[in-house]
Structure formats: C-alpha cells, structure tokens
Amino acid sequence: MRFFIVLISFCTALTLNGQTDSSNIPSVLFNDYSPLSASYYGNLLFQPGIKLAMDRNLLKIEENKVKKRKTKHTQKLLYIQPNFTFYVHPKTLAVLQLNTELGWRRYNNRLLFTEVALSIGYSRRFNKGETYFADSAGNITGSKKGTSRGYFATGISLGCGGVIFIKEKPITLYSKLNANLLTAHNAGLLPEGILEFGIRFQPNFGLKNTTVKTIIK
C-alpha cells in the first residue's frame, strides 16, 4: 500500500508542476544519442540499491488532434532498455542483476508521461551469512560462508514522470513500481516489490540512436 501512496504523490507533484509546451516535445525528448538514466532502486522499498540504464528507442508514434481551443499533441514510444542493478539487504545478502526491459511510454502536451514495461534477466545473490546444506532426508551435511546463487528473473513495471528544465536543458524525473518474480528459489517462486525513483537525460555522446521509425497520425 505504501508503494502506491508514494508513487501517486510523486506523479501528482509532477502534474502540478508540468510544463505546457507541445512544440518542444520532439526536441527535448530525442537527439542523436541513447538516453541514460540512474535511479534509486529500493527492493522491498527500504533495502537500498542503484539502477543504471540506457534506452534504445525502437518506434515513435506522433498524434495531433485539433480541438476548439488547442491542439492535443501526444507521442508514444516503444523502447528497449538494458540495465544493471545492485542492492543490499544489510547483514544478509547483496544482489547483482542484469535485465532487459521492453516498454511502452506515452507523453502528453505537458511533457508528462506514463509507461508500462516487461523485463527479463538474471539475478545473482551473494549471501553474507552462513549457508547450510542438507541431504534428501533433510539432514544437515555441512555449511559454508559467502555462497552465491543465480536465478532467472521476470517482471512487470508501471511508471510515471515528467520533463523539467534546468538551465534550458531537459531532465526527466520518473518513478516506477516494479513487481519481479525469481524462479527456482528454494524449489519455488519468489515475488519481490521494488520502488524506483530516477533521473534520465539526453547526452551529447555515447551510442547513437538515429534510426528510430516514426509514424505520424
């Protein structure tokens, strides 16, 4: 429940402070290079972590709807995002994750957006304490410190955000609610909830992303 309260508060604040300038949307959202982002990655909300990512835009759809008093301009973006995350459960474990997300993002006139994404990846967990081993009958056969184990991970996320300007440079602020599922965890599935707050910017360097297919309606 706290996930939704924080997420809704963040989105409301962006809405109240959003910029209304539909003519700026193409120039502030896209340039020749792939966007980069960094975010706080709170596993189970309070277990601290960090996430680094790079977007690769695949498809852009622009729509203009003329109304009586204004023109409604929206952009929809299909993107793929490789990302790296690291978080810790203090005194318990540390986790490294490599994921790829496929997402759909929709911007409105005020440079605010909502998005949904699916993810797939690999999670490696490093135990800080002692791990005990058992045989088929359940008898403890030994123990070892500093063990690690890998898991296949899938997930879905919902997010919102908006573009602000700092010294005329566009910066995107966003929040995401992630629901992940680890497979083969103690012979079962382990669900996890993650609340994410981040910043995304358009660099003037890096991997070029100039071949985005655009559909104008």
Protein backbone atom coordinates (compact mmCIF):
# COMPACT_ATOMS: atom_id res chain seq x y z
CA MET A 1 0.00 0.00 0.00
CA ARG A 2 2.87 2.37 0.81
CA PHE A 3 4.25 1.76 -2.71
CA PHE A 4 1.08 3.19 -4.25
CA ILE A 5 0.87 6.19 -1.87
CA VAL A 6 4.44 7.28 -2.64
CA LEU A 7 4.02 6.68 -6.38
CA ILE A 8 0.74 8.62 -6.59
CA SER A 9 2.20 11.52 -4.58
CA PHE A 10 5.19 11.73 -6.92
CA CYS A 11 3.03 11.71 -10.07
CA THR A 12 0.68 14.34 -8.60
CA ALA A 13 3.59 16.66 -7.84
CA LEU A 14 4.85 16.34 -11.42
CA THR A 15 1.39 17.06 -12.80
CA LEU A 16 1.06 20.25 -10.79
CA ASN A 17 4.47 21.46 -11.95
CA GLY A 18 4.38 20.20 -15.55
CA GLN A 19 5.36 22.44 -18.45
CA THR A 20 2.84 23.14 -21.20
CA ASP A 21 4.74 23.34 -24.45
CA SER A 22 3.76 20.74 -27.03
CA SER A 23 6.02 22.30 -29.67
CA ASN A 24 9.09 21.36 -27.64
CA ILE A 25 8.32 17.66 -27.38
CA PRO A 26 10.38 16.38 -30.33
CA SER A 27 13.46 18.44 -29.48
CA VAL A 28 13.59 17.71 -25.76
CA LEU A 29 12.85 14.00 -25.91
CA PHE A 30 15.08 12.88 -28.76
CA ASN A 31 18.55 13.60 -30.07
CA ASP A 32 21.23 11.55 -31.82
CA TYR A 33 22.28 9.57 -28.73
CA SER A 34 20.61 6.99 -26.49
CA PRO A 35 19.20 8.38 -23.21
CA LEU A 36 20.94 7.40 -19.97
CA SER A 37 19.32 7.04 -16.55
CA ALA A 38 20.23 6.44 -12.92
CA SER A 39 17.79 5.66 -10.13
CA TYR A 40 17.35 4.68 -6.52
CA TYR A 41 16.27 1.03 -6.53
CA GLY A 42 14.50 0.21 -3.27
CA ASN A 43 13.99 -3.55 -3.04
CA LEU A 44 11.04 -4.14 -0.70
CA LEU A 45 11.04 -0.31 -0.56
CA PHE A 46 13.67 0.12 2.16
CA GLN A 47 16.55 -2.14 1.02
CA PRO A 48 18.83 0.37 -0.75
CA GLY A 49 20.16 -0.07 -4.26
CA ILE A 50 21.02 1.63 -7.53
CA LYS A 51 20.00 1.06 -11.14
CA LEU A 52 21.86 2.25 -14.26
CA ALA A 53 20.21 2.01 -17.69
CA MET A 54 20.31 3.06 -21.33
CA ASP A 55 17.25 3.37 -23.60
CA ARG A 56 17.19 2.29 -27.24
CA ASN A 57 14.18 3.81 -28.98
CA LEU A 58 12.54 1.45 -31.48
CA LEU A 59 9.34 3.13 -32.64
CA LYS A 60 7.79 6.57 -32.22
CA ILE A 61 4.15 7.45 -32.95
CA GLU A 62 3.11 11.13 -33.08
CA GLU A 63 -0.53 12.19 -32.92
CA ASN A 64 -2.04 15.67 -33.33
CA LYS A 65 -5.72 16.23 -32.53
CA VAL A 66 -7.11 19.71 -33.19
CA LYS A 67 -9.76 20.83 -30.72
CA LYS A 68 -11.68 24.08 -30.37
CA ARG A 69 -9.15 25.92 -28.24
CA LYS A 70 -5.94 23.92 -28.55
CA THR A 71 -4.11 21.17 -30.35
CA LYS A 72 -3.52 17.98 -28.40
CA HIS A 73 -0.09 16.58 -29.20
CA THR A 74 0.93 13.15 -27.90
CA GLN A 75 3.87 10.89 -28.54
CA LYS A 76 4.06 7.16 -27.93
CA LEU A 77 7.41 5.44 -27.72
CA LEU A 78 8.39 1.78 -27.91
CA TYR A 79 11.81 1.23 -26.37
CA ILE A 80 14.16 -1.47 -25.17
CA GLN A 81 16.33 -0.87 -22.12
CA PRO A 82 19.30 -2.93 -20.93
CA ASN A 83 20.03 -2.15 -17.29
CA PHE A 84 22.20 -3.09 -14.34
CA THR A 85 21.04 -3.06 -10.71
CA PHE A 86 22.72 -3.59 -7.38
CA TYR A 87 21.06 -3.62 -3.96
CA VAL A 88 21.73 -4.98 -0.48
CA HIS A 89 19.83 -6.40 2.46
CA PRO A 90 22.18 -5.21 5.23
CA LYS A 91 23.87 -8.09 7.11
CA THR A 92 22.02 -10.62 4.91
CA LEU A 93 22.86 -10.51 1.20
CA ALA A 94 23.91 -8.44 -1.80
CA VAL A 95 22.31 -8.76 -5.23
CA LEU A 96 23.53 -8.06 -8.77
CA GLN A 97 21.02 -8.07 -11.64
CA LEU A 98 21.30 -7.77 -15.41
CA ASN A 99 17.94 -7.14 -17.09
CA THR A 100 16.41 -6.11 -20.38
CA GLU A 101 13.10 -4.22 -20.42
CA LEU A 102 10.68 -3.74 -23.30
CA GLY A 103 8.50 -0.73 -22.62
CA TRP A 104 5.73 1.49 -23.97
CA ARG A 105 5.75 5.18 -22.94
CA ARG A 106 3.15 7.88 -23.68
CA TYR A 107 3.87 11.63 -23.46
CA ASN A 108 1.23 14.38 -23.43
CA ASN A 109 1.28 18.13 -24.13
CA ARG A 110 2.69 18.92 -20.72
CA LEU A 111 5.70 16.62 -21.20
CA LEU A 112 4.29 14.23 -18.61
CA PHE A 113 4.24 10.51 -19.31
CA THR A 114 3.06 7.11 -18.15
CA GLU A 115 4.66 3.80 -19.07
CA VAL A 116 4.47 0.05 -18.74
CA ALA A 117 7.33 -2.40 -19.28
CA LEU A 118 8.12 -6.11 -19.19
CA SER A 119 11.54 -7.35 -18.10
CA ILE A 120 13.64 -10.48 -18.29
CA GLY A 121 17.08 -11.10 -16.85
CA TYR A 122 19.47 -12.78 -14.46
CA SER A 123 19.86 -12.19 -10.72
CA ARG A 124 22.90 -13.25 -8.66
CA ARG A 125 22.59 -13.29 -4.86
CA PHE A 126 25.62 -13.27 -2.56
CA ASN A 127 24.88 -14.43 0.99
CA LYS A 128 26.78 -12.65 3.74
CA GLY A 129 25.97 -15.21 6.41
CA GLU A 130 26.42 -18.97 6.62
CA THR A 131 24.59 -21.30 4.19
CA TYR A 132 23.65 -24.79 5.39
CA PHE A 133 23.42 -27.83 3.09
CA ALA A 134 21.08 -30.80 3.57
CA ASP A 135 20.70 -34.25 2.01
CA SER A 136 17.49 -35.70 0.53
CA ALA A 137 16.33 -36.75 4.01
CA GLY A 138 16.68 -33.21 5.38
CA ASN A 139 19.81 -33.87 7.44
CA ILE A 140 22.36 -31.05 7.64
CA THR A 141 25.53 -32.19 5.87
CA GLY A 142 27.65 -29.05 6.11
CA SER A 143 27.80 -25.27 5.86
CA LYS A 144 29.74 -22.59 4.03
CA LYS A 145 30.12 -18.82 4.28
CA GLY A 146 29.98 -16.41 1.38
CA THR A 147 27.98 -18.55 -1.04
CA SER A 148 26.11 -17.23 -4.07
CA ARG A 149 23.35 -18.44 -6.36
CA GLY A 150 21.84 -17.30 -9.66
CA TYR A 151 18.18 -17.01 -10.62
CA PHE A 152 16.19 -16.36 -13.76
CA ALA A 153 14.04 -13.25 -13.21
CA THR A 154 10.98 -11.79 -14.94
CA GLY A 155 8.92 -8.76 -14.07
CA ILE A 156 6.46 -6.01 -14.94
CA SER A 157 6.60 -2.32 -14.05
CA LEU A 158 4.32 0.71 -14.10
CA GLY A 159 5.75 4.21 -14.08
CA CYS A 160 5.13 7.91 -14.49
CA GLY A 161 7.25 11.02 -14.82
CA GLY A 162 7.79 14.36 -16.44
CA VAL A 163 10.33 16.63 -18.09
CA ILE A 164 11.70 19.69 -16.28
CA PHE A 165 14.26 22.23 -17.47
CA ILE A 166 17.48 23.15 -15.68
CA LYS A 167 19.37 25.95 -17.42
CA GLU A 168 17.28 25.22 -20.52
CA LYS A 169 18.41 21.58 -20.54
CA PRO A 170 15.66 18.92 -20.32
CA ILE A 171 15.84 16.46 -17.44
CA THR A 172 13.33 13.65 -16.97
CA LEU A 173 12.26 12.71 -13.44
CA TYR A 174 10.38 9.45 -13.01
CA SER A 175 9.11 6.83 -10.60
CA LYS A 176 8.36 3.16 -11.21
CA LEU A 177 6.69 0.38 -9.29
CA ASN A 178 8.32 -2.95 -10.18
CA ALA A 179 6.98 -6.43 -9.49
CA ASN A 180 9.63 -9.12 -10.07
CA LEU A 181 9.49 -12.90 -9.89
CA LEU A 182 12.57 -15.07 -9.23
CA THR A 183 12.36 -18.68 -10.42
CA ALA A 184 13.80 -21.83 -8.76
CA HIS A 185 14.09 -20.07 -5.40
CA ASN A 186 14.11 -22.86 -2.80
CA ALA A 187 12.22 -25.05 -5.30
CA GLY A 188 9.60 -22.33 -5.78
CA LEU A 189 8.97 -18.75 -6.93
CA LEU A 190 9.90 -15.60 -5.02
CA PRO A 191 7.91 -12.38 -5.70
CA GLU A 192 9.54 -9.02 -4.98
CA GLY A 193 8.30 -5.43 -4.99
CA ILE A 194 10.64 -2.55 -5.84
CA LEU A 195 10.00 1.20 -5.75
CA GLU A 196 12.24 3.20 -8.06
CA PHE A 197 12.96 6.94 -8.31
CA GLY A 198 15.26 8.14 -11.08
CA ILE A 199 16.57 10.75 -13.46
CA ARG A 200 17.06 10.42 -17.22
CA PHE A 201 18.99 12.77 -19.51
CA GLN A 202 19.97 13.14 -23.16
CA PRO A 203 23.80 13.04 -23.51
CA ASN A 204 25.79 14.53 -26.36
CA PHE A 205 27.92 11.41 -26.51
CA GLY A 206 27.63 7.63 -26.41
CA LEU A 207 25.70 5.14 -28.52
CA LYS A 208 23.86 6.73 -31.44
CA ASN A 209 20.13 6.13 -31.86
CA THR A 210 19.23 7.87 -35.12
CA THR A 211 17.24 5.19 -36.97
CA VAL A 212 14.00 5.33 -34.99
CA LYS A 213 10.96 4.56 -37.14
CA THR A 214 8.40 7.37 -36.85
CA ILE A 215 4.68 7.20 -37.61
CA ILE A 216 2.73 10.49 -37.79
CA LYS A 217 -1.04 10.42 -37.49
